[in-house]
Amino acid sequence: MKKKPADIGVESFRNGLNCAQSVLTTYASKLDIDNKLAKDIASGFGGGMGKLQLTCGAVTGSFMVLSQYNSKNFMDDKKRKENTNLMIQKFNDNFISLHETTDCSSLLKCDLKTEEGQNYARENNLYERVCEKCVSDSIDIIEELIKE
């Protein structure tokens, strides 16, 4: 049985990729992106971009996917940008409706830059309960958007 894209993304996260890498690599082959390049590009976006806990890495990874998706589908730069912006705005609205925010710090409610915060995240299974859900939901939203 073929795995759902969201399952592939969660599996990648469980195997050590960050949230942004997990989303982008799920779509790498479909978007004609080398898998290693996708991992490299998204490597600094986990933990809300370099553990700054700003925009969730699953969200920024999704923005990368939507950008490349439109780059493949629209030759006209203006049309590409317009469609990408619309898809990102729809993605953002859908993600916020599910999680109330795209802010990593608000999602996890701990400081990943500190050892205490990282311990808190592990002890409270936040990577499994929050991050995996963000990866899965992000991919599900992408799937809906690219069907439209």
N, C-alpha and C. Protein backbone atom coordinates (compact mmCIF):
# COMPACT_ATOMS: atom_id res chain seq x y z
N MET A 1 0.84 -1.18 0.00
CA MET A 1 0.00 0.00 0.00
C MET A 1 0.88 1.24 0.00
N LYS A 2 0.53 2.22 -0.83
CA LYS A 2 1.29 3.45 -0.95
C LYS A 2 1.08 4.33 0.29
N LYS A 3 2.18 4.87 0.80
CA LYS A 3 2.09 5.76 1.96
C LYS A 3 1.53 7.12 1.57
N LYS A 4 0.75 7.69 2.46
CA LYS A 4 0.25 9.04 2.26
C LYS A 4 1.42 10.02 2.43
N PRO A 5 1.40 11.13 1.71
CA PRO A 5 2.48 12.12 1.87
C PRO A 5 2.70 12.55 3.33
N ALA A 6 1.62 12.74 4.08
CA ALA A 6 1.76 13.15 5.48
C ALA A 6 2.51 12.10 6.29
N ASP A 7 2.27 10.83 6.01
CA ASP A 7 2.97 9.75 6.71
C ASP A 7 4.46 9.75 6.37
N ILE A 8 4.77 10.07 5.11
CA ILE A 8 6.17 10.14 4.69
C ILE A 8 6.87 11.27 5.43
N GLY A 9 6.21 12.41 5.54
CA GLY A 9 6.79 13.55 6.25
C GLY A 9 7.02 13.27 7.72
N VAL A 10 6.06 12.67 8.37
CA VAL A 10 6.21 12.33 9.80
C VAL A 10 7.33 11.31 9.99
N GLU A 11 7.40 10.33 9.11
CA GLU A 11 8.46 9.33 9.19
C GLU A 11 9.83 10.00 9.04
N SER A 12 9.95 10.93 8.13
CA SER A 12 11.21 11.67 7.96
C SER A 12 11.57 12.43 9.23
N PHE A 13 10.57 13.05 9.84
CA PHE A 13 10.79 13.78 11.10
C PHE A 13 11.27 12.83 12.19
N ARG A 14 10.63 11.70 12.30
CA ARG A 14 11.03 10.71 13.30
C ARG A 14 12.43 10.16 13.05
N ASN A 15 12.86 10.20 11.79
CA ASN A 15 14.19 9.71 11.43
C ASN A 15 15.26 10.79 11.50
N GLY A 16 14.94 11.94 12.07
CA GLY A 16 15.96 12.93 12.36
C GLY A 16 15.96 14.20 11.52
N LEU A 17 15.09 14.28 10.52
CA LEU A 17 15.02 15.54 9.78
C LEU A 17 14.24 16.55 10.61
N ASN A 18 14.56 17.84 10.42
CA ASN A 18 13.76 18.83 11.12
C ASN A 18 12.41 18.99 10.41
N CYS A 19 11.54 19.80 10.97
CA CYS A 19 10.18 19.92 10.45
C CYS A 19 10.16 20.48 9.02
N ALA A 20 10.98 21.47 8.74
CA ALA A 20 11.02 22.05 7.39
C ALA A 20 11.57 21.03 6.38
N GLN A 21 12.63 20.35 6.76
CA GLN A 21 13.21 19.32 5.89
C GLN A 21 12.19 18.21 5.61
N SER A 22 11.45 17.84 6.63
CA SER A 22 10.48 16.75 6.49
C SER A 22 9.39 17.09 5.48
N VAL A 23 8.96 18.33 5.49
CA VAL A 23 7.93 18.74 4.52
C VAL A 23 8.54 18.86 3.13
N LEU A 24 9.65 19.57 3.00
CA LEU A 24 10.23 19.80 1.68
C LEU A 24 10.68 18.50 1.01
N THR A 25 11.31 17.61 1.76
CA THR A 25 11.79 16.37 1.13
C THR A 25 10.63 15.45 0.73
N THR A 26 9.49 15.58 1.38
CA THR A 26 8.32 14.80 0.98
C THR A 26 7.96 15.09 -0.48
N TYR A 27 8.19 16.31 -0.91
CA TYR A 27 7.83 16.72 -2.26
C TYR A 27 9.01 16.86 -3.21
N ALA A 28 10.22 16.59 -2.74
CA ALA A 28 11.41 16.84 -3.56
C ALA A 28 11.33 16.18 -4.94
N SER A 29 11.04 14.89 -4.98
CA SER A 29 11.03 14.21 -6.28
C SER A 29 9.90 14.72 -7.18
N LYS A 30 8.74 15.02 -6.62
CA LYS A 30 7.62 15.54 -7.40
C LYS A 30 7.93 16.92 -7.98
N LEU A 31 8.80 17.65 -7.31
CA LEU A 31 9.13 19.01 -7.73
C LEU A 31 10.47 19.10 -8.44
N ASP A 32 11.04 17.95 -8.75
CA ASP A 32 12.34 17.90 -9.43
C ASP A 32 13.45 18.60 -8.64
N ILE A 33 13.42 18.40 -7.33
CA ILE A 33 14.48 18.93 -6.47
C ILE A 33 15.28 17.73 -5.96
N ASP A 34 16.58 17.81 -6.05
CA ASP A 34 17.44 16.78 -5.50
C ASP A 34 17.16 16.67 -4.00
N ASN A 35 16.99 15.45 -3.49
CA ASN A 35 16.65 15.25 -2.08
C ASN A 35 17.70 15.83 -1.14
N LYS A 36 18.97 15.65 -1.47
CA LYS A 36 20.04 16.21 -0.63
C LYS A 36 19.98 17.73 -0.63
N LEU A 37 19.74 18.31 -1.80
CA LEU A 37 19.62 19.76 -1.89
C LEU A 37 18.44 20.25 -1.05
N ALA A 38 17.32 19.55 -1.11
CA ALA A 38 16.15 19.92 -0.30
C ALA A 38 16.49 19.89 1.18
N LYS A 39 17.19 18.84 1.62
CA LYS A 39 17.60 18.76 3.03
C LYS A 39 18.53 19.90 3.39
N ASP A 40 19.47 20.19 2.49
CA ASP A 40 20.44 21.26 2.75
C ASP A 40 19.75 22.62 2.84
N ILE A 41 18.88 22.90 1.89
CA ILE A 41 18.19 24.20 1.86
C ILE A 41 17.36 24.41 3.13
N ALA A 42 16.66 23.38 3.56
CA ALA A 42 15.75 23.50 4.70
C ALA A 42 16.42 23.27 6.06
N SER A 43 17.71 22.98 6.05
CA SER A 43 18.38 22.60 7.32
C SER A 43 18.32 23.68 8.39
N GLY A 44 18.31 24.93 8.02
CA GLY A 44 18.30 26.01 9.01
C GLY A 44 16.92 26.49 9.40
N PHE A 45 15.88 25.82 8.91
CA PHE A 45 14.53 26.31 9.15
C PHE A 45 13.79 25.57 10.27
N GLY A 46 14.40 24.55 10.85
CA GLY A 46 13.76 23.82 11.94
C GLY A 46 13.75 24.65 13.21
N GLY A 47 12.82 24.31 14.09
CA GLY A 47 12.72 25.03 15.36
C GLY A 47 12.34 26.48 15.16
N GLY A 48 11.54 26.74 14.15
CA GLY A 48 11.11 28.12 13.91
C GLY A 48 12.22 28.98 13.35
N MET A 49 13.03 28.41 12.49
CA MET A 49 14.15 29.04 11.82
C MET A 49 15.33 29.18 12.78
N GLY A 50 16.20 28.21 12.73
CA GLY A 50 17.42 28.24 13.54
C GLY A 50 17.16 28.22 15.04
N LYS A 51 16.09 27.55 15.45
CA LYS A 51 15.66 27.50 16.84
C LYS A 51 15.36 28.88 17.42
N LEU A 52 15.09 29.85 16.54
CA LEU A 52 14.64 31.17 17.01
C LEU A 52 13.19 31.12 17.43
N GLN A 53 12.52 30.04 17.05
CA GLN A 53 11.11 29.79 17.36
C GLN A 53 10.20 30.89 16.84
N LEU A 54 10.49 31.29 15.63
CA LEU A 54 9.61 32.23 14.93
C LEU A 54 8.61 31.40 14.13
N THR A 55 8.55 31.53 12.84
CA THR A 55 7.59 30.75 12.06
C THR A 55 7.97 29.27 12.08
N CYS A 56 7.00 28.44 12.39
CA CYS A 56 7.17 26.98 12.47
C CYS A 56 7.86 26.47 11.20
N GLY A 57 8.82 25.58 11.37
CA GLY A 57 9.54 25.01 10.24
C GLY A 57 8.65 24.23 9.29
N ALA A 58 7.62 23.59 9.79
CA ALA A 58 6.70 22.88 8.90
C ALA A 58 6.00 23.89 7.99
N VAL A 59 5.75 25.07 8.49
CA VAL A 59 5.13 26.13 7.71
C VAL A 59 6.12 26.67 6.67
N THR A 60 7.34 26.99 7.09
CA THR A 60 8.31 27.52 6.13
C THR A 60 8.66 26.47 5.08
N GLY A 61 8.74 25.22 5.47
CA GLY A 61 8.96 24.15 4.50
C GLY A 61 7.82 24.08 3.50
N SER A 62 6.62 24.29 3.98
CA SER A 62 5.45 24.29 3.10
C SER A 62 5.49 25.46 2.13
N PHE A 63 5.94 26.61 2.60
CA PHE A 63 6.06 27.77 1.71
C PHE A 63 7.08 27.48 0.61
N MET A 64 8.14 26.77 0.94
CA MET A 64 9.12 26.38 -0.07
C MET A 64 8.49 25.45 -1.10
N VAL A 65 7.71 24.49 -0.63
CA VAL A 65 7.04 23.55 -1.53
C VAL A 65 6.10 24.31 -2.47
N LEU A 66 5.28 25.19 -1.92
CA LEU A 66 4.32 25.91 -2.74
C LEU A 66 5.02 26.83 -3.74
N SER A 67 6.12 27.42 -3.34
CA SER A 67 6.90 28.26 -4.26
C SER A 67 7.42 27.45 -5.43
N GLN A 68 8.01 26.30 -5.15
CA GLN A 68 8.55 25.47 -6.22
C GLN A 68 7.43 24.88 -7.08
N TYR A 69 6.33 24.52 -6.46
CA TYR A 69 5.18 24.00 -7.20
C TYR A 69 4.75 25.02 -8.26
N ASN A 70 4.64 26.26 -7.86
CA ASN A 70 4.22 27.30 -8.81
C ASN A 70 5.31 27.64 -9.81
N SER A 71 6.54 27.52 -9.42
CA SER A 71 7.64 27.75 -10.36
C SER A 71 7.61 26.72 -11.48
N LYS A 72 7.20 25.51 -11.16
CA LYS A 72 7.09 24.46 -12.18
C LYS A 72 5.87 24.66 -13.08
N ASN A 73 4.83 25.28 -12.55
CA ASN A 73 3.57 25.36 -13.26
C ASN A 73 3.29 26.68 -13.99
N PHE A 74 4.05 27.71 -13.70
CA PHE A 74 3.83 29.00 -14.33
C PHE A 74 5.14 29.56 -14.86
N MET A 75 5.19 29.80 -16.15
CA MET A 75 6.39 30.35 -16.76
C MET A 75 6.47 31.86 -16.53
N ASP A 76 5.31 32.50 -16.51
CA ASP A 76 5.26 33.95 -16.30
C ASP A 76 5.54 34.27 -14.84
N ASP A 77 6.57 35.09 -14.61
CA ASP A 77 7.00 35.39 -13.24
C ASP A 77 5.90 36.07 -12.43
N LYS A 78 5.17 37.00 -13.04
CA LYS A 78 4.11 37.70 -12.31
C LYS A 78 3.02 36.72 -11.88
N LYS A 79 2.60 35.86 -12.79
CA LYS A 79 1.57 34.86 -12.48
C LYS A 79 2.08 33.89 -11.40
N ARG A 80 3.34 33.49 -11.51
CA ARG A 80 3.95 32.58 -10.53
C ARG A 80 3.90 33.20 -9.13
N LYS A 81 4.32 34.45 -9.03
CA LYS A 81 4.33 35.12 -7.72
C LYS A 81 2.92 35.29 -7.18
N GLU A 82 2.00 35.71 -8.03
CA GLU A 82 0.62 35.90 -7.58
C GLU A 82 0.03 34.60 -7.06
N ASN A 83 0.19 33.53 -7.81
CA ASN A 83 -0.38 32.25 -7.40
C ASN A 83 0.30 31.72 -6.13
N THR A 84 1.61 31.89 -6.06
CA THR A 84 2.33 31.47 -4.85
C THR A 84 1.83 32.23 -3.63
N ASN A 85 1.70 33.54 -3.77
CA ASN A 85 1.23 34.35 -2.64
C ASN A 85 -0.17 33.93 -2.20
N LEU A 86 -1.05 33.69 -3.16
CA LEU A 86 -2.42 33.25 -2.82
C LEU A 86 -2.40 31.90 -2.11
N MET A 87 -1.60 30.98 -2.61
CA MET A 87 -1.54 29.65 -1.97
C MET A 87 -0.95 29.75 -0.57
N ILE A 88 0.07 30.56 -0.39
CA ILE A 88 0.67 30.73 0.93
C ILE A 88 -0.34 31.36 1.89
N GLN A 89 -1.10 32.33 1.41
CA GLN A 89 -2.11 32.95 2.27
C GLN A 89 -3.19 31.95 2.67
N LYS A 90 -3.63 31.13 1.73
CA LYS A 90 -4.61 30.08 2.05
C LYS A 90 -4.02 29.07 3.02
N PHE A 91 -2.76 28.66 2.76
CA PHE A 91 -2.10 27.73 3.66
C PHE A 91 -2.08 28.31 5.07
N ASN A 92 -1.65 29.56 5.19
CA ASN A 92 -1.53 30.21 6.49
C ASN A 92 -2.87 30.22 7.21
N ASP A 93 -3.93 30.60 6.51
CA ASP A 93 -5.26 30.61 7.12
C ASP A 93 -5.66 29.22 7.62
N ASN A 94 -5.41 28.20 6.80
CA ASN A 94 -5.77 26.83 7.18
C ASN A 94 -4.95 26.35 8.37
N PHE A 95 -3.66 26.64 8.37
CA PHE A 95 -2.80 26.21 9.47
C PHE A 95 -3.24 26.89 10.77
N ILE A 96 -3.50 28.18 10.70
CA ILE A 96 -3.93 28.91 11.90
C ILE A 96 -5.28 28.40 12.39
N SER A 97 -6.16 28.02 11.49
CA SER A 97 -7.46 27.49 11.94
C SER A 97 -7.28 26.19 12.71
N LEU A 98 -6.22 25.43 12.39
CA LEU A 98 -5.94 24.18 13.10
C LEU A 98 -5.12 24.38 14.38
N HIS A 99 -4.18 25.32 14.34
CA HIS A 99 -3.20 25.44 15.44
C HIS A 99 -3.21 26.80 16.15
N GLU A 100 -4.04 27.72 15.69
CA GLU A 100 -4.20 29.05 16.26
C GLU A 100 -3.02 29.99 16.02
N THR A 101 -1.90 29.47 15.53
CA THR A 101 -0.71 30.28 15.30
C THR A 101 0.23 29.55 14.35
N THR A 102 1.17 30.28 13.77
CA THR A 102 2.26 29.66 13.02
C THR A 102 3.57 29.84 13.78
N ASP A 103 3.50 30.39 14.95
CA ASP A 103 4.67 30.72 15.76
C ASP A 103 5.14 29.51 16.57
N CYS A 104 6.35 29.07 16.31
CA CYS A 104 6.90 27.88 16.97
C CYS A 104 6.89 28.01 18.49
N SER A 105 7.27 29.17 18.97
CA SER A 105 7.31 29.39 20.42
C SER A 105 5.93 29.22 21.05
N SER A 106 4.92 29.75 20.39
CA SER A 106 3.55 29.61 20.90
C SER A 106 3.04 28.18 20.78
N LEU A 107 3.47 27.50 19.73
CA LEU A 107 3.05 26.11 19.55
C LEU A 107 3.65 25.20 20.63
N LEU A 108 4.93 25.38 20.92
CA LEU A 108 5.62 24.49 21.86
C LEU A 108 5.59 24.96 23.31
N LYS A 109 5.48 26.26 23.51
CA LYS A 109 5.43 26.83 24.86
C LYS A 109 6.67 26.49 25.70
N CYS A 110 7.82 26.47 25.03
CA CYS A 110 9.09 26.30 25.72
C CYS A 110 10.19 26.88 24.85
N ASP A 111 11.35 27.13 25.42
CA ASP A 111 12.47 27.76 24.71
C ASP A 111 13.46 26.69 24.25
N LEU A 112 13.45 26.41 22.96
CA LEU A 112 14.33 25.37 22.43
C LEU A 112 15.81 25.77 22.42
N LYS A 113 16.09 27.04 22.66
CA LYS A 113 17.49 27.48 22.70
C LYS A 113 18.16 27.11 24.02
N THR A 114 17.37 26.68 25.00
CA THR A 114 17.93 26.32 26.30
C THR A 114 17.85 24.82 26.51
N GLU A 115 18.76 24.32 27.32
CA GLU A 115 18.73 22.90 27.66
C GLU A 115 17.45 22.56 28.42
N GLU A 116 17.01 23.47 29.29
CA GLU A 116 15.79 23.24 30.05
C GLU A 116 14.59 23.12 29.10
N GLY A 117 14.53 24.01 28.11
CA GLY A 117 13.43 23.98 27.16
C GLY A 117 13.44 22.71 26.32
N GLN A 118 14.62 22.30 25.89
CA GLN A 118 14.73 21.06 25.12
C GLN A 118 14.33 19.85 25.96
N ASN A 119 14.75 19.85 27.22
CA ASN A 119 14.35 18.76 28.12
C ASN A 119 12.83 18.76 28.32
N TYR A 120 12.27 19.94 28.50
CA TYR A 120 10.82 20.06 28.66
C TYR A 120 10.10 19.50 27.44
N ALA A 121 10.59 19.84 26.26
CA ALA A 121 9.97 19.36 25.02
C ALA A 121 10.03 17.84 24.94
N ARG A 122 11.18 17.28 25.28
CA ARG A 122 11.32 15.80 25.25
C ARG A 122 10.44 15.14 26.30
N GLU A 123 10.51 15.63 27.54
CA GLU A 123 9.77 15.02 28.64
C GLU A 123 8.26 15.07 28.43
N ASN A 124 7.81 16.10 27.73
CA ASN A 124 6.37 16.27 27.49
C ASN A 124 5.95 15.83 26.09
N ASN A 125 6.85 15.11 25.42
CA ASN A 125 6.57 14.56 24.09
C ASN A 125 6.06 15.61 23.11
N LEU A 126 6.60 16.83 23.20
CA LEU A 126 6.13 17.90 22.33
C LEU A 126 6.51 17.66 20.88
N TYR A 127 7.66 17.04 20.65
CA TYR A 127 8.06 16.76 19.27
C TYR A 127 7.06 15.81 18.61
N GLU A 128 6.58 14.85 19.38
CA GLU A 128 5.59 13.91 18.86
C GLU A 128 4.19 14.53 18.81
N ARG A 129 3.80 15.18 19.89
CA ARG A 129 2.43 15.70 20.00
C ARG A 129 2.20 16.96 19.17
N VAL A 130 3.20 17.82 19.09
CA VAL A 130 3.02 19.10 18.40
C VAL A 130 3.70 19.11 17.04
N CYS A 131 5.00 18.84 17.02
CA CYS A 131 5.75 18.96 15.77
C CYS A 131 5.29 17.97 14.71
N GLU A 132 5.09 16.73 15.09
CA GLU A 132 4.62 15.75 14.10
C GLU A 132 3.25 16.14 13.56
N LYS A 133 2.40 16.67 14.41
CA LYS A 133 1.08 17.12 13.98
C LYS A 133 1.20 18.30 13.02
N CYS A 134 2.12 19.20 13.29
CA CYS A 134 2.33 20.35 12.40
C CYS A 134 2.85 19.88 11.04
N VAL A 135 3.77 18.92 11.02
CA VAL A 135 4.28 18.37 9.77
C VAL A 135 3.13 17.70 9.00
N SER A 136 2.40 16.85 9.67
CA SER A 136 1.30 16.12 9.03
C SER A 136 0.22 17.08 8.51
N ASP A 137 -0.20 18.01 9.34
CA ASP A 137 -1.23 18.96 8.92
C ASP A 137 -0.74 19.83 7.77
N SER A 138 0.51 20.24 7.81
CA SER A 138 1.06 21.07 6.74
C SER A 138 0.99 20.34 5.41
N ILE A 139 1.38 19.10 5.41
CA ILE A 139 1.35 18.30 4.18
C ILE A 139 -0.08 18.07 3.71
N ASP A 140 -0.99 17.83 4.64
CA ASP A 140 -2.39 17.68 4.25
C ASP A 140 -2.93 18.96 3.62
N ILE A 141 -2.54 20.12 4.15
CA ILE A 141 -2.99 21.39 3.59
C ILE A 141 -2.40 21.57 2.18
N ILE A 142 -1.12 21.26 2.02
CA ILE A 142 -0.51 21.34 0.70
C ILE A 142 -1.27 20.46 -0.29
N GLU A 143 -1.57 19.24 0.12
CA GLU A 143 -2.30 18.31 -0.77
C GLU A 143 -3.61 18.93 -1.22
N GLU A 144 -4.33 19.57 -0.32
CA GLU A 144 -5.60 20.21 -0.68
C GLU A 144 -5.37 21.37 -1.65
N LEU A 145 -4.35 22.17 -1.38
CA LEU A 145 -4.09 23.34 -2.22
C LEU A 145 -3.66 22.96 -3.63
N ILE A 146 -2.89 21.92 -3.76
CA ILE A 146 -2.43 21.57 -5.11
C ILE A 146 -3.49 20.82 -5.91
N LYS A 147 -4.55 20.39 -5.24
CA LYS A 147 -5.68 19.76 -5.95
C LYS A 147 -6.55 20.82 -6.62
N GLU A 148 -6.59 22.03 -6.03
CA GLU A 148 -7.48 23.10 -6.51
C GLU A 148 -7.16 23.51 -7.92
